[in-house]
Amino acid sequence: MQNSTVIPGMGAYPQMANVQTANANSQILGYLGRALTLEFSAGQHYLAQASLSKFRNETNYAEGFITLANEEFQHANLLTDRMVAQGALPSGTVLRPATPTSNVIEALRSCEEREIALINLYAEANQYCANFGAKEDQALFSRLLEEEQSQLARVNTWIEEYIQIMTQQQQPNRSFV
């Protein structure tokens, strides 16, 4: 086979044993791609919020934002693994820019918004996969849905704690002593 050139294509990537139909794959790959974009965007945003928090000397929130970012990047890893298992690679994506915030409550509310967007996407993808019978994809979307719901609960707890702290600091001491 002289002068023969082999170009890797779809066959160069691992394939699932029970590959779904092309229509299902394209729809599911669409969900995986959108999720990947949202996860990377969220991770980037959380790292930006961590840096802003450090500059405001809010180190405990900065550490929390870094933890959230790392979790989102782990989700991106799982999504990429799933795409490769279906014989695809992530395409180029444009990330949503990080939002500037001037205080912790703005930062937490912006994180809440991003978590809700991920939850909505995973709920839709999970339902689609359940309807179509794509069990492996449904298991992934279900897992990510639960993890995003947990992250949202954590962000909401931080919001409640912050509001409590601010309320306590603003109440005058009513002692007669």
C-alpha atoms as a PDB file:
ATOM      1  CA  MET A   1       0.000   0.000   0.000  1.00  0.00           C
ATOM      2  CA  GLN A   2       2.456   2.570  -1.159  1.00  0.00           C
ATOM      3  CA  ASN A   3       1.432   6.255  -1.172  1.00  0.00           C
ATOM      4  CA  SER A   4      -1.619   5.446   0.921  1.00  0.00           C
ATOM      5  CA  THR A   5      -2.811   8.063   3.372  1.00  0.00           C
ATOM      6  CA  VAL A   6      -5.089   7.210   6.270  1.00  0.00           C
ATOM      7  CA  ILE A   7      -7.088  10.087   7.687  1.00  0.00           C
ATOM      8  CA  PRO A   8      -8.755   9.520  11.043  1.00  0.00           C
ATOM      9  CA  GLY A   9     -12.482  10.073  10.959  1.00  0.00           C
ATOM     10  CA  MET A  10     -15.376   8.941  13.069  1.00  0.00           C
ATOM     11  CA  GLY A  11     -13.845   5.471  13.295  1.00  0.00           C
ATOM     12  CA  ALA A  12     -10.806   6.876  15.058  1.00  0.00           C
ATOM     13  CA  TYR A  13     -12.817   7.498  18.226  1.00  0.00           C
ATOM     14  CA  PRO A  14     -14.318   4.885  20.535  1.00  0.00           C
ATOM     15  CA  GLN A  15     -17.894   3.851  19.761  1.00  0.00           C
ATOM     16  CA  MET A  16     -20.604   2.754  22.173  1.00  0.00           C
ATOM     17  CA  ALA A  17     -21.661  -0.860  21.845  1.00  0.00           C
ATOM     18  CA  ASN A  18     -25.346   0.022  21.466  1.00  0.00           C
ATOM     19  CA  VAL A  19     -25.212   3.157  19.351  1.00  0.00           C
ATOM     20  CA  GLN A  20     -28.512   5.024  19.105  1.00  0.00           C
ATOM     21  CA  THR A  21     -30.040   6.256  15.868  1.00  0.00           C
ATOM     22  CA  ALA A  22     -28.473   9.183  14.035  1.00  0.00           C
ATOM     23  CA  ASN A  23     -31.415  11.467  14.879  1.00  0.00           C
ATOM     24  CA  ALA A  24     -31.196  10.666  18.574  1.00  0.00           C
ATOM     25  CA  ASN A  25     -27.448  11.072  18.563  1.00  0.00           C
ATOM     26  CA  SER A  26     -27.650  14.495  16.960  1.00  0.00           C
ATOM     27  CA  GLN A  27     -30.245  15.669  19.489  1.00  0.00           C
ATOM     28  CA  ILE A  28     -28.320  14.214  22.409  1.00  0.00           C
ATOM     29  CA  LEU A  29     -25.044  15.571  21.056  1.00  0.00           C
ATOM     30  CA  GLY A  30     -26.763  18.949  20.897  1.00  0.00           C
ATOM     31  CA  TYR A  31     -27.640  18.705  24.587  1.00  0.00           C
ATOM     32  CA  LEU A  32     -24.100  17.581  25.396  1.00  0.00           C
ATOM     33  CA  GLY A  33     -22.621  20.498  23.419  1.00  0.00           C
ATOM     34  CA  ARG A  34     -24.888  23.107  25.028  1.00  0.00           C
ATOM     35  CA  ALA A  35     -24.179  21.650  28.452  1.00  0.00           C
ATOM     36  CA  LEU A  36     -20.447  21.762  27.795  1.00  0.00           C
ATOM     37  CA  THR A  37     -20.669  25.444  26.853  1.00  0.00           C
ATOM     38  CA  LEU A  38     -22.712  26.262  29.970  1.00  0.00           C
ATOM     39  CA  GLU A  39     -20.351  24.292  32.226  1.00  0.00           C
ATOM     40  CA  PHE A  40     -17.223  25.995  30.859  1.00  0.00           C
ATOM     41  CA  SER A  41     -18.946  29.388  31.033  1.00  0.00           C
ATOM     42  CA  ALA A  42     -19.982  28.759  34.638  1.00  0.00           C
ATOM     43  CA  GLY A  43     -16.479  27.588  35.585  1.00  0.00           C
ATOM     44  CA  GLN A  44     -14.932  30.674  34.009  1.00  0.00           C
ATOM     45  CA  HIS A  45     -17.480  32.895  35.770  1.00  0.00           C
ATOM     46  CA  TYR A  46     -16.841  31.275  39.163  1.00  0.00           C
ATOM     47  CA  LEU A  47     -13.085  31.753  38.788  1.00  0.00           C
ATOM     48  CA  ALA A  48     -13.703  35.432  37.977  1.00  0.00           C
ATOM     49  CA  GLN A  49     -15.917  35.733  41.065  1.00  0.00           C
ATOM     50  CA  ALA A  50     -13.195  34.086  43.143  1.00  0.00           C
ATOM     51  CA  SER A  51     -10.682  36.681  41.965  1.00  0.00           C
ATOM     52  CA  LEU A  52     -13.096  39.551  42.615  1.00  0.00           C
ATOM     53  CA  SER A  53     -13.792  38.144  46.085  1.00  0.00           C
ATOM     54  CA  LYS A  54     -10.063  37.934  46.834  1.00  0.00           C
ATOM     55  CA  PHE A  55      -9.684  41.611  45.920  1.00  0.00           C
ATOM     56  CA  ARG A  56     -12.552  42.443  48.300  1.00  0.00           C
ATOM     57  CA  ASN A  57     -10.853  40.373  51.042  1.00  0.00           C
ATOM     58  CA  GLU A  58     -13.694  37.842  51.094  1.00  0.00           C
ATOM     59  CA  THR A  59     -11.475  34.776  51.120  1.00  0.00           C
ATOM     60  CA  ASN A  60     -14.116  32.334  52.369  1.00  0.00           C
ATOM     61  CA  TYR A  61     -16.329  33.175  49.373  1.00  0.00           C
ATOM     62  CA  ALA A  62     -13.323  33.065  47.032  1.00  0.00           C
ATOM     63  CA  GLU A  63     -12.601  29.503  48.157  1.00  0.00           C
ATOM     64  CA  GLY A  64     -16.255  28.556  47.638  1.00  0.00           C
ATOM     65  CA  PHE A  65     -16.221  29.965  44.108  1.00  0.00           C
ATOM     66  CA  ILE A  66     -13.053  28.014  43.299  1.00  0.00           C
ATOM     67  CA  THR A  67     -14.715  24.828  44.540  1.00  0.00           C
ATOM     68  CA  LEU A  68     -17.730  25.522  42.326  1.00  0.00           C
ATOM     69  CA  ALA A  69     -15.456  26.168  39.333  1.00  0.00           C
ATOM     70  CA  ASN A  70     -13.632  22.886  39.859  1.00  0.00           C
ATOM     71  CA  GLU A  71     -16.939  21.026  40.054  1.00  0.00           C
ATOM     72  CA  GLU A  72     -18.092  22.615  36.782  1.00  0.00           C
ATOM     73  CA  PHE A  73     -14.849  21.643  35.056  1.00  0.00           C
ATOM     74  CA  GLN A  74     -15.357  18.054  36.291  1.00  0.00           C
ATOM     75  CA  HIS A  75     -18.817  18.161  34.719  1.00  0.00           C
ATOM     76  CA  ALA A  76     -17.228  19.356  31.477  1.00  0.00           C
ATOM     77  CA  ASN A  77     -14.908  16.351  31.658  1.00  0.00           C
ATOM     78  CA  LEU A  78     -17.855  13.950  32.030  1.00  0.00           C
ATOM     79  CA  LEU A  79     -19.663  15.590  29.123  1.00  0.00           C
ATOM     80  CA  THR A  80     -16.581  15.359  26.914  1.00  0.00           C
ATOM     81  CA  ASP A  81     -16.141  11.695  27.817  1.00  0.00           C
ATOM     82  CA  ARG A  82     -19.749  11.057  26.812  1.00  0.00           C
ATOM     83  CA  MET A  83     -19.317  12.873  23.506  1.00  0.00           C
ATOM     84  CA  VAL A  84     -16.223  10.809  22.696  1.00  0.00           C
ATOM     85  CA  ALA A  85     -18.103   7.622  23.625  1.00  0.00           C
ATOM     86  CA  GLN A  86     -20.633   8.577  20.951  1.00  0.00           C
ATOM     87  CA  GLY A  87     -17.913   9.127  18.382  1.00  0.00           C
ATOM     88  CA  ALA A  88     -17.795  12.918  18.513  1.00  0.00           C
ATOM     89  CA  LEU A  89     -15.473  15.598  19.794  1.00  0.00           C
ATOM     90  CA  PRO A  90     -16.517  18.968  21.192  1.00  0.00           C
ATOM     91  CA  SER A  91     -16.695  21.676  18.585  1.00  0.00           C
ATOM     92  CA  GLY A  92     -15.432  25.160  19.219  1.00  0.00           C
ATOM     93  CA  THR A  93     -17.635  27.115  21.540  1.00  0.00           C
ATOM     94  CA  VAL A  94     -18.100  30.716  22.547  1.00  0.00           C
ATOM     95  CA  LEU A  95     -18.329  31.094  26.280  1.00  0.00           C
ATOM     96  CA  ARG A  96     -20.680  33.481  27.957  1.00  0.00           C
ATOM     97  CA  PRO A  97     -18.557  36.253  29.476  1.00  0.00           C
ATOM     98  CA  ALA A  98     -18.127  36.464  33.224  1.00  0.00           C
ATOM     99  CA  THR A  99     -20.314  39.101  34.833  1.00  0.00           C
ATOM    100  CA  PRO A 100     -18.613  41.817  36.867  1.00  0.00           C
ATOM    101  CA  THR A 101     -19.926  42.142  40.413  1.00  0.00           C
ATOM    102  CA  SER A 102     -19.191  44.696  43.089  1.00  0.00           C
ATOM    103  CA  ASN A 103     -20.221  42.691  46.156  1.00  0.00           C
ATOM    104  CA  VAL A 104     -20.853  39.173  47.380  1.00  0.00           C
ATOM    105  CA  ILE A 105     -24.619  39.220  46.988  1.00  0.00           C
ATOM    106  CA  GLU A 106     -24.326  40.251  43.311  1.00  0.00           C
ATOM    107  CA  ALA A 107     -21.766  37.486  42.784  1.00  0.00           C
ATOM    108  CA  LEU A 108     -23.971  34.887  44.436  1.00  0.00           C
ATOM    109  CA  ARG A 109     -27.058  35.978  42.478  1.00  0.00           C
ATOM    110  CA  SER A 110     -25.075  35.715  39.213  1.00  0.00           C
ATOM    111  CA  CYS A 111     -24.001  32.199  40.210  1.00  0.00           C
ATOM    112  CA  GLU A 112     -27.595  31.326  41.066  1.00  0.00           C
ATOM    113  CA  GLU A 113     -28.643  32.385  37.561  1.00  0.00           C
ATOM    114  CA  ARG A 114     -26.022  30.151  35.932  1.00  0.00           C
ATOM    115  CA  GLU A 115     -26.957  27.173  38.090  1.00  0.00           C
ATOM    116  CA  ILE A 116     -30.624  27.571  37.144  1.00  0.00           C
ATOM    117  CA  ALA A 117     -29.716  27.616  33.443  1.00  0.00           C
ATOM    118  CA  LEU A 118     -27.790  24.348  33.857  1.00  0.00           C
ATOM    119  CA  ILE A 119     -30.605  22.771  35.880  1.00  0.00           C
ATOM    120  CA  ASN A 120     -33.151  23.683  33.205  1.00  0.00           C
ATOM    121  CA  LEU A 121     -30.987  22.232  30.429  1.00  0.00           C
ATOM    122  CA  TYR A 122     -30.293  19.003  32.335  1.00  0.00           C
ATOM    123  CA  ALA A 123     -33.972  18.560  33.208  1.00  0.00           C
ATOM    124  CA  GLU A 124     -34.909  18.929  29.532  1.00  0.00           C
ATOM    125  CA  ALA A 125     -32.119  16.617  28.351  1.00  0.00           C
ATOM    126  CA  ASN A 126     -32.963  14.071  31.030  1.00  0.00           C
ATOM    127  CA  GLN A 127     -36.610  14.036  29.953  1.00  0.00           C
ATOM    128  CA  TYR A 128     -35.692  13.728  26.280  1.00  0.00           C
ATOM    129  CA  CYS A 129     -33.415  10.776  26.994  1.00  0.00           C
ATOM    130  CA  ALA A 130     -36.080   9.134  29.187  1.00  0.00           C
ATOM    131  CA  ASN A 131     -38.642   9.480  26.387  1.00  0.00           C
ATOM    132  CA  PHE A 132     -36.227   8.134  23.806  1.00  0.00           C
ATOM    133  CA  GLY A 133     -34.831   5.311  25.938  1.00  0.00           C
ATOM    134  CA  ALA A 134     -31.228   6.572  25.890  1.00  0.00           C
ATOM    135  CA  LYS A 135     -30.380   5.120  29.291  1.00  0.00           C
ATOM    136  CA  GLU A 136     -26.656   5.950  29.425  1.00  0.00           C
ATOM    137  CA  ASP A 137     -27.225   9.548  28.412  1.00  0.00           C
ATOM    138  CA  GLN A 138     -30.167   9.830  30.788  1.00  0.00           C
ATOM    139  CA  ALA A 139     -27.999   8.533  33.632  1.00  0.00           C
ATOM    140  CA  LEU A 140     -25.394  11.226  32.909  1.00  0.00           C
ATOM    141  CA  PHE A 141     -27.943  14.036  32.613  1.00  0.00           C
ATOM    142  CA  SER A 142     -29.717  12.824  35.758  1.00  0.00           C
ATOM    143  CA  ARG A 143     -26.445  12.784  37.710  1.00  0.00           C
ATOM    144  CA  LEU A 144     -25.490  16.263  36.487  1.00  0.00           C
ATOM    145  CA  LEU A 145     -28.997  17.547  37.266  1.00  0.00           C
ATOM    146  CA  GLU A 146     -28.681  16.337  40.855  1.00  0.00           C
ATOM    147  CA  GLU A 147     -25.206  17.840  41.223  1.00  0.00           C
ATOM    148  CA  GLU A 148     -26.324  21.208  39.829  1.00  0.00           C
ATOM    149  CA  GLN A 149     -29.334  21.199  42.166  1.00  0.00           C
ATOM    150  CA  SER A 150     -26.935  20.565  45.051  1.00  0.00           C
ATOM    151  CA  GLN A 151     -24.726  23.445  43.902  1.00  0.00           C
ATOM    152  CA  LEU A 152     -27.756  25.747  43.656  1.00  0.00           C
ATOM    153  CA  ALA A 153     -28.789  24.773  47.184  1.00  0.00           C
ATOM    154  CA  ARG A 154     -25.268  25.606  48.384  1.00  0.00           C
ATOM    155  CA  VAL A 155     -25.335  29.007  46.643  1.00  0.00           C
ATOM    156  CA  ASN A 156     -28.783  29.725  48.123  1.00  0.00           C
ATOM    157  CA  THR A 157     -27.482  28.811  51.584  1.00  0.00           C
ATOM    158  CA  TRP A 158     -24.591  31.266  51.115  1.00  0.00           C
ATOM    159  CA  ILE A 159     -27.087  33.948  50.083  1.00  0.00           C
ATOM    160  CA  GLU A 160     -29.230  33.311  53.178  1.00  0.00           C
ATOM    161  CA  GLU A 161     -26.187  33.313  55.470  1.00  0.00           C
ATOM    162  CA  TYR A 162     -24.883  36.539  53.927  1.00  0.00           C
ATOM    163  CA  ILE A 163     -28.254  38.259  54.339  1.00  0.00           C
ATOM    164  CA  GLN A 164     -28.412  37.082  57.970  1.00  0.00           C
ATOM    165  CA  ILE A 165     -24.953  38.442  58.685  1.00  0.00           C
ATOM    166  CA  MET A 166     -25.776  41.776  57.072  1.00  0.00           C
ATOM    167  CA  THR A 167     -29.079  42.009  58.954  1.00  0.00           C
ATOM    168  CA  GLN A 168     -27.365  41.298  62.287  1.00  0.00           C
ATOM    169  CA  GLN A 169     -24.699  43.918  61.605  1.00  0.00           C
ATOM    170  CA  GLN A 170     -27.310  46.577  60.789  1.00  0.00           C
ATOM    171  CA  GLN A 171     -29.457  46.020  63.890  1.00  0.00           C
ATOM    172  CA  PRO A 172     -28.575  48.425  66.690  1.00  0.00           C
ATOM    173  CA  ASN A 173     -27.627  47.013  70.037  1.00  0.00           C
ATOM    174  CA  ARG A 174     -30.751  47.544  72.184  1.00  0.00           C
ATOM    175  CA  SER A 175     -29.129  46.933  75.500  1.00  0.00           C
ATOM    176  CA  PHE A 176     -29.658  49.388  78.370  1.00  0.00           C
ATOM    177  CA  VAL A 177     -26.387  48.426  79.989  1.00  0.00           C
END
